[in-house]
């Protein structure tokens, strides 16, 4: 990933990163082979860079973390979770514009 502002989450660090966050979190469930996922990655990187410390942007590779994908009922990717205070507030499936994602983050702030 090009942006250092985007975290890679896995089964060992997911809970600690999400539960310790004092800002809204976007979690992107994705896979290398998924074309729409690759389209969404630069959008999420831009959002992470622009929002800075106001949001935490993270990615979970569903092929490497099947238990997390199952835990959150991932059936289609990309799937985004919008989390605040450790609780999933919204789920979105598919590619979204940066503006649409920014509005969702701002609504959680």
PDB file of N, CA and C in Angstrom:
ATOM      1  N   UNK A   1       0.830  -1.186   0.000  1.00  0.00           N
ATOM      2  CA  UNK A   1       0.000   0.000   0.000  1.00  0.00           C
ATOM      3  C   UNK A   1       0.873   1.247   0.000  1.00  0.00           C
ATOM      4  N   UNK A   2       0.457   2.234  -0.718  1.00  0.00           N
ATOM      5  CA  UNK A   2       1.266   3.430  -0.868  1.00  0.00           C
ATOM      6  C   UNK A   2       1.191   4.339   0.355  1.00  0.00           C
ATOM      7  N   UNK A   3       0.045   4.436   0.976  1.00  0.00           N
ATOM      8  CA  UNK A   3      -0.131   5.361   2.087  1.00  0.00           C
ATOM      9  C   UNK A   3       0.180   4.701   3.426  1.00  0.00           C
ATOM     10  N   UNK A   4       1.033   5.361   4.185  1.00  0.00           N
ATOM     11  CA  UNK A   4       1.336   4.873   5.528  1.00  0.00           C
ATOM     12  C   UNK A   4       0.187   5.168   6.494  1.00  0.00           C
ATOM     13  N   UNK A   5      -0.760   5.991   6.046  1.00  0.00           N
ATOM     14  CA  UNK A   5      -1.892   6.347   6.901  1.00  0.00           C
ATOM     15  C   UNK A   5      -2.938   5.230   6.963  1.00  0.00           C
ATOM     16  N   UNK A   6      -2.799   4.210   6.107  1.00  0.00           N
ATOM     17  CA  UNK A   6      -3.756   3.102   6.084  1.00  0.00           C
ATOM     18  C   UNK A   6      -3.141   1.906   6.801  1.00  0.00           C
ATOM     19  N   UNK A   7      -3.870   1.406   7.801  1.00  0.00           N
ATOM     20  CA  UNK A   7      -3.395   0.262   8.589  1.00  0.00           C
ATOM     21  C   UNK A   7      -3.791  -1.055   7.943  1.00  0.00           C
ATOM     22  N   UNK A   8      -2.951  -2.042   8.073  1.00  0.00           N
ATOM     23  CA  UNK A   8      -3.307  -3.403   7.689  1.00  0.00           C
ATOM     24  C   UNK A   8      -3.699  -4.144   8.952  1.00  0.00           C
ATOM     25  N   UNK A   9      -4.941  -4.591   9.000  1.00  0.00           N
ATOM     26  CA  UNK A   9      -5.413  -5.318  10.167  1.00  0.00           C
ATOM     27  C   UNK A   9      -5.471  -6.803   9.873  1.00  0.00           C
ATOM     28  N   UNK A  10      -5.309  -7.585  10.935  1.00  0.00           N
ATOM     29  CA  UNK A  10      -5.429  -9.037  10.834  1.00  0.00           C
ATOM     30  C   UNK A  10      -6.093  -9.544  12.108  1.00  0.00           C
ATOM     31  N   UNK A  11      -6.216 -10.839  12.217  1.00  0.00           N
ATOM     32  CA  UNK A  11      -6.930 -11.410  13.354  1.00  0.00           C
ATOM     33  C   UNK A  11      -6.240 -11.137  14.681  1.00  0.00           C
ATOM     34  N   UNK A  12      -4.933 -10.902  14.659  1.00  0.00           N
ATOM     35  CA  UNK A  12      -4.232 -10.666  15.925  1.00  0.00           C
ATOM     36  C   UNK A  12      -4.283  -9.209  16.386  1.00  0.00           C
ATOM     37  N   UNK A  13      -4.418  -8.243  15.461  1.00  0.00           N
ATOM     38  CA  UNK A  13      -4.419  -6.841  15.895  1.00  0.00           C
ATOM     39  C   UNK A  13      -5.753  -6.126  15.697  1.00  0.00           C
ATOM     40  N   UNK A  14      -6.734  -6.782  15.111  1.00  0.00           N
ATOM     41  CA  UNK A  14      -8.001  -6.127  14.783  1.00  0.00           C
ATOM     42  C   UNK A  14      -8.670  -5.530  16.023  1.00  0.00           C
ATOM     43  N   UNK A  15      -8.908  -6.354  17.016  1.00  0.00           N
ATOM     44  CA  UNK A  15      -9.655  -5.898  18.190  1.00  0.00           C
ATOM     45  C   UNK A  15      -8.941  -4.767  18.924  1.00  0.00           C
ATOM     46  N   UNK A  16      -7.635  -4.881  19.090  1.00  0.00           N
ATOM     47  CA  UNK A  16      -6.909  -3.839  19.819  1.00  0.00           C
ATOM     48  C   UNK A  16      -6.914  -2.515  19.058  1.00  0.00           C
ATOM     49  N   UNK A  17      -6.762  -2.559  17.746  1.00  0.00           N
ATOM     50  CA  UNK A  17      -6.769  -1.321  16.950  1.00  0.00           C
ATOM     51  C   UNK A  17      -8.144  -0.665  16.939  1.00  0.00           C
ATOM     52  N   UNK A  18      -9.193  -1.466  16.830  1.00  0.00           N
ATOM     53  CA  UNK A  18     -10.545  -0.913  16.759  1.00  0.00           C
ATOM     54  C   UNK A  18     -11.006  -0.415  18.118  1.00  0.00           C
ATOM     55  N   UNK A  19     -10.821  -1.209  19.153  1.00  0.00           N
ATOM     56  CA  UNK A  19     -11.331  -0.834  20.476  1.00  0.00           C
ATOM     57  C   UNK A  19     -10.562   0.330  21.081  1.00  0.00           C
ATOM     58  N   UNK A  20      -9.306   0.518  20.685  1.00  0.00           N
ATOM     59  CA  UNK A  20      -8.515   1.615  21.252  1.00  0.00           C
ATOM     60  C   UNK A  20      -8.696   2.923  20.502  1.00  0.00           C
ATOM     61  N   UNK A  21      -9.416   2.899  19.402  1.00  0.00           N
ATOM     62  CA  UNK A  21      -9.549   4.098  18.577  1.00  0.00           C
ATOM     63  C   UNK A  21     -10.493   5.118  19.206  1.00  0.00           C
ATOM     64  N   UNK A  22     -10.017   6.350  19.269  1.00  0.00           N
ATOM     65  CA  UNK A  22     -10.842   7.444  19.789  1.00  0.00           C
ATOM     66  C   UNK A  22     -11.512   8.217  18.658  1.00  0.00           C
ATOM     67  N   UNK A  23     -11.247   7.812  17.423  1.00  0.00           N
ATOM     68  CA  UNK A  23     -11.838   8.450  16.242  1.00  0.00           C
ATOM     69  C   UNK A  23     -12.587   7.395  15.430  1.00  0.00           C
ATOM     70  N   UNK A  24     -13.471   7.821  14.521  1.00  0.00           N
ATOM     71  CA  UNK A  24     -14.158   6.843  13.669  1.00  0.00           C
ATOM     72  C   UNK A  24     -13.156   6.006  12.871  1.00  0.00           C
ATOM     73  N   UNK A  25     -13.537   4.767  12.588  1.00  0.00           N
ATOM     74  CA  UNK A  25     -12.684   3.848  11.849  1.00  0.00           C
ATOM     75  C   UNK A  25     -13.441   3.359  10.611  1.00  0.00           C
ATOM     76  N   UNK A  26     -12.765   3.363   9.468  1.00  0.00           N
ATOM     77  CA  UNK A  26     -13.278   2.722   8.261  1.00  0.00           C
ATOM     78  C   UNK A  26     -12.456   1.459   8.078  1.00  0.00           C
ATOM     79  N   UNK A  27     -13.125   0.317   8.019  1.00  0.00           N
ATOM     80  CA  UNK A  27     -12.435  -0.949   7.765  1.00  0.00           C
ATOM     81  C   UNK A  27     -12.877  -1.450   6.394  1.00  0.00           C
ATOM     82  N   UNK A  28     -11.901  -1.644   5.515  1.00  0.00           N
ATOM     83  CA  UNK A  28     -12.142  -2.121   4.161  1.00  0.00           C
ATOM     84  C   UNK A  28     -11.794  -3.601   4.089  1.00  0.00           C
ATOM     85  N   UNK A  29     -12.801  -4.438   3.867  1.00  0.00           N
ATOM     86  CA  UNK A  29     -12.567  -5.861   3.621  1.00  0.00           C
ATOM     87  C   UNK A  29     -12.347  -6.011   2.116  1.00  0.00           C
ATOM     88  N   UNK A  30     -11.201  -6.573   1.719  1.00  0.00           N
ATOM     89  CA  UNK A  30     -10.791  -6.592   0.316  1.00  0.00           C
ATOM     90  C   UNK A  30      -9.992  -7.853   0.006  1.00  0.00           C
ATOM     91  N   UNK A  31      -9.631  -8.004  -1.277  1.00  0.00           N
ATOM     92  CA  UNK A  31      -8.744  -9.089  -1.714  1.00  0.00           C
ATOM     93  C   UNK A  31      -7.936  -8.605  -2.919  1.00  0.00           C
ATOM     94  N   UNK A  32      -6.743  -9.169  -3.082  1.00  0.00           N
ATOM     95  CA  UNK A  32      -5.848  -8.797  -4.193  1.00  0.00           C
ATOM     96  C   UNK A  32      -6.507  -8.972  -5.551  1.00  0.00           C
ATOM     97  N   UNK A  33      -7.283 -10.032  -5.732  1.00  0.00           N
ATOM     98  CA  UNK A  33      -7.866 -10.380  -7.025  1.00  0.00           C
ATOM     99  C   UNK A  33      -9.109  -9.574  -7.372  1.00  0.00           C
ATOM    100  N   UNK A  34      -9.571  -8.742  -6.469  1.00  0.00           N
ATOM    101  CA  UNK A  34     -10.830  -7.997  -6.624  1.00  0.00           C
ATOM    102  C   UNK A  34     -10.587  -6.654  -7.321  1.00  0.00           C
ATOM    103  N   UNK A  35     -11.090  -6.524  -8.551  1.00  0.00           N
ATOM    104  CA  UNK A  35     -10.930  -5.281  -9.303  1.00  0.00           C
ATOM    105  C   UNK A  35     -11.520  -4.064  -8.606  1.00  0.00           C
ATOM    106  N   UNK A  36     -12.781  -4.119  -8.165  1.00  0.00           N
ATOM    107  CA  UNK A  36     -13.348  -2.973  -7.458  1.00  0.00           C
ATOM    108  C   UNK A  36     -12.564  -2.617  -6.190  1.00  0.00           C
ATOM    109  N   UNK A  37     -12.002  -3.622  -5.529  1.00  0.00           N
ATOM    110  CA  UNK A  37     -11.182  -3.359  -4.337  1.00  0.00           C
ATOM    111  C   UNK A  37      -9.961  -2.521  -4.709  1.00  0.00           C
ATOM    112  N   UNK A  38      -9.344  -2.858  -5.824  1.00  0.00           N
ATOM    113  CA  UNK A  38      -8.168  -2.104  -6.272  1.00  0.00           C
ATOM    114  C   UNK A  38      -8.557  -0.682  -6.665  1.00  0.00           C
ATOM    115  N   UNK A  39      -9.786  -0.495  -7.162  1.00  0.00           N
ATOM    116  CA  UNK A  39     -10.262   0.852  -7.485  1.00  0.00           C
ATOM    117  C   UNK A  39     -10.481   1.679  -6.224  1.00  0.00           C
ATOM    118  N   UNK A  40     -10.902   1.033  -5.149  1.00  0.00           N
ATOM    119  CA  UNK A  40     -11.218   1.732  -3.910  1.00  0.00           C
ATOM    120  C   UNK A  40      -9.966   2.107  -3.115  1.00  0.00           C
ATOM    121  N   UNK A  41      -8.898   1.349  -3.260  1.00  0.00           N
ATOM    122  CA  UNK A  41      -7.691   1.578  -2.462  1.00  0.00           C
ATOM    123  C   UNK A  41      -7.157   3.008  -2.550  1.00  0.00           C
ATOM    124  N   UNK A  42      -6.947   3.578  -3.744  1.00  0.00           N
ATOM    125  CA  UNK A  42      -6.428   4.958  -3.769  1.00  0.00           C
ATOM    126  C   UNK A  42      -7.398   5.978  -3.177  1.00  0.00           C
ATOM    127  N   UNK A  43      -8.691   5.712  -3.277  1.00  0.00           N
ATOM    128  CA  UNK A  43      -9.688   6.610  -2.675  1.00  0.00           C
ATOM    129  C   UNK A  43      -9.530   6.599  -1.155  1.00  0.00           C
ATOM    130  N   UNK A  44      -9.389   5.412  -0.580  1.00  0.00           N
ATOM    131  CA  UNK A  44      -9.207   5.308   0.872  1.00  0.00           C
ATOM    132  C   UNK A  44      -7.889   5.924   1.313  1.00  0.00           C
ATOM    133  N   UNK A  45      -6.841   5.744   0.516  1.00  0.00           N
ATOM    134  CA  UNK A  45      -5.549   6.340   0.852  1.00  0.00           C
ATOM    135  C   UNK A  45      -5.635   7.862   0.859  1.00  0.00           C
ATOM    136  N   UNK A  46      -6.308   8.435  -0.142  1.00  0.00           N
ATOM    137  CA  UNK A  46      -6.481   9.888  -0.193  1.00  0.00           C
ATOM    138  C   UNK A  46      -7.271  10.378   1.010  1.00  0.00           C
ATOM    139  N   UNK A  47      -8.339   9.669   1.337  1.00  0.00           N
ATOM    140  CA  UNK A  47      -9.166  10.051   2.482  1.00  0.00           C
ATOM    141  C   UNK A  47      -8.348   9.994   3.770  1.00  0.00           C
ATOM    142  N   UNK A  48      -7.563   8.944   3.944  1.00  0.00           N
ATOM    143  CA  UNK A  48      -6.727   8.818   5.139  1.00  0.00           C
ATOM    144  C   UNK A  48      -5.726   9.956   5.223  1.00  0.00           C
ATOM    145  N   UNK A  49      -5.110  10.304   4.095  1.00  0.00           N
ATOM    146  CA  UNK A  49      -4.134  11.388   4.083  1.00  0.00           C
ATOM    147  C   UNK A  49      -4.795  12.738   4.373  1.00  0.00           C
ATOM    148  N   UNK A  50      -5.973  12.964   3.795  1.00  0.00           N
ATOM    149  CA  UNK A  50      -6.654  14.253   3.969  1.00  0.00           C
ATOM    150  C   UNK A  50      -7.264  14.419   5.350  1.00  0.00           C
ATOM    151  N   UNK A  51      -7.841  13.369   5.893  1.00  0.00           N
ATOM    152  CA  UNK A  51      -8.504  13.457   7.206  1.00  0.00           C
ATOM    153  C   UNK A  51      -7.503  13.367   8.357  1.00  0.00           C
ATOM    154  N   UNK A  52      -6.332  12.795   8.078  1.00  0.00           N
ATOM    155  CA  UNK A  52      -5.291  12.711   9.103  1.00  0.00           C
ATOM    156  C   UNK A  52      -5.763  11.989  10.355  1.00  0.00           C
ATOM    157  N   UNK A  53      -5.565  12.621  11.490  1.00  0.00           N
ATOM    158  CA  UNK A  53      -5.885  11.984  12.778  1.00  0.00           C
ATOM    159  C   UNK A  53      -7.373  11.989  13.103  1.00  0.00           C
ATOM    160  N   UNK A  54      -8.221  12.544  12.213  1.00  0.00           N
ATOM    161  CA  UNK A  54      -9.661  12.586  12.468  1.00  0.00           C
ATOM    162  C   UNK A  54     -10.347  11.262  12.150  1.00  0.00           C
ATOM    163  N   UNK A  55      -9.634  10.353  11.479  1.00  0.00           N
ATOM    164  CA  UNK A  55     -10.206   9.054  11.121  1.00  0.00           C
ATOM    165  C   UNK A  55      -9.078   8.033  11.050  1.00  0.00           C
ATOM    166  N   UNK A  56      -9.430   6.792  11.312  1.00  0.00           N
ATOM    167  CA  UNK A  56      -8.488   5.691  11.144  1.00  0.00           C
ATOM    168  C   UNK A  56      -9.015   4.856   9.979  1.00  0.00           C
ATOM    169  N   UNK A  57      -8.172   4.648   8.972  1.00  0.00           N
ATOM    170  CA  UNK A  57      -8.552   3.847   7.815  1.00  0.00           C
ATOM    171  C   UNK A  57      -7.739   2.560   7.862  1.00  0.00           C
ATOM    172  N   UNK A  58      -8.430   1.437   7.744  1.00  0.00           N
ATOM    173  CA  UNK A  58      -7.766   0.139   7.856  1.00  0.00           C
ATOM    174  C   UNK A  58      -8.285  -0.809   6.790  1.00  0.00           C
ATOM    175  N   UNK A  59      -7.461  -1.802   6.465  1.00  0.00           N
ATOM    176  CA  UNK A  59      -7.812  -2.800   5.461  1.00  0.00           C
ATOM    177  C   UNK A  59      -7.635  -4.189   6.044  1.00  0.00           C
ATOM    178  N   UNK A  60      -8.554  -5.085   5.684  1.00  0.00           N
ATOM    179  CA  UNK A  60      -8.478  -6.492   6.081  1.00  0.00           C
ATOM    180  C   UNK A  60      -8.553  -7.326   4.807  1.00  0.00           C
ATOM    181  N   UNK A  61      -7.506  -8.091   4.536  1.00  0.00           N
ATOM    182  CA  UNK A  61      -7.486  -8.990   3.386  1.00  0.00           C
ATOM    183  C   UNK A  61      -8.312 -10.224   3.751  1.00  0.00           C
ATOM    184  N   UNK A  62      -9.417 -10.435   3.030  1.00  0.00           N
ATOM    185  CA  UNK A  62     -10.328 -11.534   3.380  1.00  0.00           C
ATOM    186  C   UNK A  62      -9.717 -12.906   3.132  1.00  0.00           C
ATOM    187  N   UNK A  63      -8.794 -13.004   2.176  1.00  0.00           N
ATOM    188  CA  UNK A  63      -8.152 -14.287   1.904  1.00  0.00           C
ATOM    189  C   UNK A  63      -7.201 -14.685   3.034  1.00  0.00           C
ATOM    190  N   UNK A  64      -6.563 -13.685   3.642  1.00  0.00           N
ATOM    191  CA  UNK A  64      -5.612 -13.945   4.726  1.00  0.00           C
ATOM    192  C   UNK A  64      -6.283 -13.988   6.092  1.00  0.00           C
ATOM    193  N   UNK A  65      -7.496 -13.457   6.195  1.00  0.00           N
ATOM    194  CA  UNK A  65      -8.204 -13.361   7.476  1.00  0.00           C
ATOM    195  C   UNK A  65      -9.648 -13.835   7.344  1.00  0.00           C
ATOM    196  N   UNK A  66      -9.844 -15.098   6.988  1.00  0.00           N
ATOM    197  CA  UNK A  66     -11.205 -15.587   6.747  1.00  0.00           C
ATOM    198  C   UNK A  66     -12.091 -15.562   7.992  1.00  0.00           C
ATOM    199  N   UNK A  67     -11.510 -15.687   9.165  1.00  0.00           N
ATOM    200  CA  UNK A  67     -12.319 -15.654  10.391  1.00  0.00           C
ATOM    201  C   UNK A  67     -12.905 -14.270  10.635  1.00  0.00           C
ATOM    202  N   UNK A  68     -12.128 -13.225  10.359  1.00  0.00           N
ATOM    203  CA  UNK A  68     -12.662 -11.862  10.499  1.00  0.00           C
ATOM    204  C   UNK A  68     -13.756 -11.613   9.471  1.00  0.00           C
ATOM    205  N   UNK A  69     -13.526 -12.077   8.253  1.00  0.00           N
ATOM    206  CA  UNK A  69     -14.549 -11.912   7.208  1.00  0.00           C
ATOM    207  C   UNK A  69     -15.840 -12.605   7.625  1.00  0.00           C
ATOM    208  N   UNK A  70     -15.733 -13.801   8.169  1.00  0.00           N
ATOM    209  CA  UNK A  70     -16.914 -14.535   8.621  1.00  0.00           C
ATOM    210  C   UNK A  70     -17.573 -13.844   9.805  1.00  0.00           C
ATOM    211  N   UNK A  71     -16.768 -13.343  10.728  1.00  0.00           N
ATOM    212  CA  UNK A  71     -17.300 -12.671  11.923  1.00  0.00           C
ATOM    213  C   UNK A  71     -18.180 -11.479  11.551  1.00  0.00           C
ATOM    214  N   UNK A  72     -17.794 -10.758  10.490  1.00  0.00           N
ATOM    215  CA  UNK A  72     -18.547  -9.567  10.083  1.00  0.00           C
ATOM    216  C   UNK A  72     -19.486  -9.826   8.908  1.00  0.00           C
ATOM    217  N   UNK A  73     -19.666 -11.097   8.555  1.00  0.00           N
ATOM    218  CA  UNK A  73     -20.636 -11.457   7.529  1.00  0.00           C
ATOM    219  C   UNK A  73     -20.303 -10.948   6.145  1.00  0.00           C
ATOM    220  N   UNK A  74     -19.019 -10.907   5.818  1.00  0.00           N
ATOM    221  CA  UNK A  74     -18.603 -10.417   4.505  1.00  0.00           C
ATOM    222  C   UNK A  74     -19.014 -11.437   3.445  1.00  0.00           C
ATOM    223  N   UNK A  75     -19.872 -11.006   2.528  1.00  0.00           N
ATOM    224  CA  UNK A  75     -20.326 -11.863   1.433  1.00  0.00           C
ATOM    225  C   UNK A  75     -19.897 -11.307   0.089  1.00  0.00           C
ATOM    226  N   UNK A  76     -19.714  -9.996   0.020  1.00  0.00           N
ATOM    227  CA  UNK A  76     -19.259  -9.320  -1.199  1.00  0.00           C
ATOM    228  C   UNK A  76     -18.184  -8.323  -0.804  1.00  0.00           C
ATOM    229  N   UNK A  77     -17.211  -8.145  -1.690  1.00  0.00           N
ATOM    230  CA  UNK A  77     -16.166  -7.171  -1.426  1.00  0.00           C
ATOM    231  C   UNK A  77     -16.036  -6.240  -2.624  1.00  0.00           C
ATOM    232  N   UNK A  78     -15.586  -5.012  -2.413  1.00  0.00           N
ATOM    233  CA  UNK A  78     -15.177  -4.458  -1.138  1.00  0.00           C
ATOM    234  C   UNK A  78     -16.377  -4.174  -0.232  1.00  0.00           C
ATOM    235  N   UNK A  79     -16.171  -4.407   1.044  1.00  0.00           N
ATOM    236  CA  UNK A  79     -17.176  -4.092   2.056  1.00  0.00           C
ATOM    237  C   UNK A  79     -16.523  -3.199   3.094  1.00  0.00           C
ATOM    238  N   UNK A  80     -17.151  -2.070   3.351  1.00  0.00           N
ATOM    239  CA  UNK A  80     -16.630  -1.107   4.309  1.00  0.00           C
ATOM    240  C   UNK A  80     -17.485  -1.093   5.564  1.00  0.00           C
ATOM    241  N   UNK A  81     -16.811  -1.136   6.705  1.00  0.00           N
ATOM    242  CA  UNK A  81     -17.479  -0.953   7.991  1.00  0.00           C
ATOM    243  C   UNK A  81     -17.109   0.422   8.505  1.00  0.00           C
ATOM    244  N   UNK A  82     -18.090   1.146   8.994  1.00  0.00           N
ATOM    245  CA  UNK A  82     -17.852   2.430   9.652  1.00  0.00           C
ATOM    246  C   UNK A  82     -18.093   2.201  11.135  1.00  0.00           C
ATOM    247  N   UNK A  83     -17.031   2.337  11.924  1.00  0.00           N
ATOM    248  CA  UNK A  83     -17.060   1.970  13.329  1.00  0.00           C
ATOM    249  C   UNK A  83     -16.767   3.193  14.189  1.00  0.00           C
ATOM    250  N   UNK A  84     -17.555   3.346  15.247  1.00  0.00           N
ATOM    251  CA  UNK A  84     -17.303   4.397  16.228  1.00  0.00           C
ATOM    252  C   UNK A  84     -17.463   3.786  17.610  1.00  0.00           C
ATOM    253  N   UNK A  85     -16.510   4.065  18.471  1.00  0.00           N
ATOM    254  CA  UNK A  85     -16.508   3.522  19.835  1.00  0.00           C
ATOM    255  C   UNK A  85     -16.620   1.997  19.833  1.00  0.00           C
ATOM    256  N   UNK A  86     -15.951   1.355  18.879  1.00  0.00           N
ATOM    257  CA  UNK A  86     -15.930  -0.098  18.810  1.00  0.00           C
ATOM    258  C   UNK A  86     -17.190  -0.743  18.266  1.00  0.00           C
ATOM    259  N   UNK A  87     -18.156   0.072  17.836  1.00  0.00           N
ATOM    260  CA  UNK A  87     -19.440  -0.447  17.364  1.00  0.00           C
ATOM    261  C   UNK A  87     -19.637  -0.120  15.884  1.00  0.00           C
ATOM    262  N   UNK A  88     -20.048  -1.118  15.094  1.00  0.00           N
ATOM    263  CA  UNK A  88     -20.313  -0.899  13.675  1.00  0.00           C
ATOM    264  C   UNK A  88     -21.566  -0.038  13.547  1.00  0.00           C
ATOM    265  N   UNK A  89     -21.398   1.127  12.937  1.00  0.00           N
ATOM    266  CA  UNK A  89     -22.514   2.059  12.766  1.00  0.00           C
ATOM    267  C   UNK A  89     -23.136   1.959  11.380  1.00  0.00           C
ATOM    268  N   UNK A  90     -22.327   1.555  10.381  1.00  0.00           N
ATOM    269  CA  UNK A  90     -22.839   1.451   9.017  1.00  0.00           C
ATOM    270  C   UNK A  90     -21.965   0.480   8.229  1.00  0.00           C
ATOM    271  N   UNK A  91     -22.581  -0.190   7.268  1.00  0.00           N
ATOM    272  CA  UNK A  91     -21.877  -1.095   6.364  1.00  0.00           C
ATOM    273  C   UNK A  91     -22.222  -0.699   4.939  1.00  0.00           C
ATOM    274  N   UNK A  92     -21.202  -0.620   4.085  1.00  0.00           N
ATOM    275  CA  UNK A  92     -21.397  -0.260   2.689  1.00  0.00           C
ATOM    276  C   UNK A  92     -20.648  -1.273   1.835  1.00  0.00           C
ATOM    277  N   UNK A  93     -21.310  -1.772   0.791  1.00  0.00           N
ATOM    278  CA  UNK A  93     -20.681  -2.717  -0.130  1.00  0.00           C
ATOM    279  C   UNK A  93     -20.484  -2.028  -1.472  1.00  0.00           C
ATOM    280  N   UNK A  94     -19.291  -2.168  -2.033  1.00  0.00           N
ATOM    281  CA  UNK A  94     -18.998  -1.611  -3.347  1.00  0.00           C
ATOM    282  C   UNK A  94     -18.150  -0.360  -3.274  1.00  0.00           C
ATOM    283  N   UNK A  95     -17.719   0.079  -4.451  1.00  0.00           N
ATOM    284  CA  UNK A  95     -16.874   1.266  -4.551  1.00  0.00           C
ATOM    285  C   UNK A  95     -17.709   2.509  -4.261  1.00  0.00           C
ATOM    286  N   UNK A  96     -17.133   3.404  -3.481  1.00  0.00           N
ATOM    287  CA  UNK A  96     -17.784   4.658  -3.120  1.00  0.00           C
ATOM    288  C   UNK A  96     -16.862   5.812  -3.497  1.00  0.00           C
ATOM    289  N   UNK A  97     -17.429   6.977  -3.732  1.00  0.00           N
ATOM    290  CA  UNK A  97     -16.597   8.152  -4.011  1.00  0.00           C
ATOM    291  C   UNK A  97     -15.953   8.636  -2.715  1.00  0.00           C
ATOM    292  N   UNK A  98     -14.875   9.369  -2.856  1.00  0.00           N
ATOM    293  CA  UNK A  98     -14.204   9.923  -1.678  1.00  0.00           C
ATOM    294  C   UNK A  98     -15.150  10.855  -0.919  1.00  0.00           C
ATOM    295  N   UNK A  99     -15.926  11.651  -1.652  1.00  0.00           N
ATOM    296  CA  UNK A  99     -16.866  12.571  -1.006  1.00  0.00           C
ATOM    297  C   UNK A  99     -17.916  11.821  -0.200  1.00  0.00           C
ATOM    298  N   UNK A 100     -18.436  10.731  -0.764  1.00  0.00           N
ATOM    299  CA  UNK A 100     -19.447   9.941  -0.051  1.00  0.00           C
ATOM    300  C   UNK A 100     -18.857   9.351   1.226  1.00  0.00           C
ATOM    301  N   UNK A 101     -17.636   8.851   1.140  1.00  0.00           N
ATOM    302  CA  UNK A 101     -16.987   8.282   2.327  1.00  0.00           C
ATOM    303  C   UNK A 101     -16.701   9.366   3.363  1.00  0.00           C
ATOM    304  N   UNK A 102     -16.253  10.533   2.897  1.00  0.00           N
ATOM    305  CA  UNK A 102     -15.959  11.635   3.815  1.00  0.00           C
ATOM    306  C   UNK A 102     -17.224  12.074   4.563  1.00  0.00           C
ATOM    307  N   UNK A 103     -18.347  12.105   3.857  1.00  0.00           N
ATOM    308  CA  UNK A 103     -19.617  12.490   4.510  1.00  0.00           C
ATOM    309  C   UNK A 103     -19.974  11.493   5.601  1.00  0.00           C
ATOM    310  N   UNK A 104     -19.773  10.209   5.333  1.00  0.00           N
ATOM    311  CA  UNK A 104     -20.090   9.182   6.331  1.00  0.00           C
ATOM    312  C   UNK A 104     -19.185   9.307   7.552  1.00  0.00           C
ATOM    313  N   UNK A 105     -17.911   9.590   7.318  1.00  0.00           N
ATOM    314  CA  UNK A 105     -16.985   9.786   8.433  1.00  0.00           C
ATOM    315  C   UNK A 105     -17.376  11.020   9.243  1.00  0.00           C
ATOM    316  N   UNK A 106     -17.690  12.116   8.533  1.00  0.00           N
ATOM    317  CA  UNK A 106     -18.071  13.346   9.223  1.00  0.00           C
ATOM    318  C   UNK A 106     -19.330  13.154  10.059  1.00  0.00           C
ATOM    319  N   UNK A 107     -20.252  12.333   9.588  1.00  0.00           N
ATOM    320  CA  UNK A 107     -21.479  12.067  10.331  1.00  0.00           C
ATOM    321  C   UNK A 107     -21.200  11.311  11.629  1.00  0.00           C
ATOM    322  N   UNK A 108     -20.097  10.569  11.667  1.00  0.00           N
ATOM    323  CA  UNK A 108     -19.750   9.820  12.878  1.00  0.00           C
ATOM    324  C   UNK A 108     -18.947  10.648  13.878  1.00  0.00           C
ATOM    325  N   UNK A 109     -18.374  11.725  13.412  1.00  0.00           N
ATOM    326  CA  UNK A 109     -17.476  12.534  14.261  1.00  0.00           C
ATOM    327  C   UNK A 109     -18.191  13.148  15.444  1.00  0.00           C
TER     328      UNK A 109
END
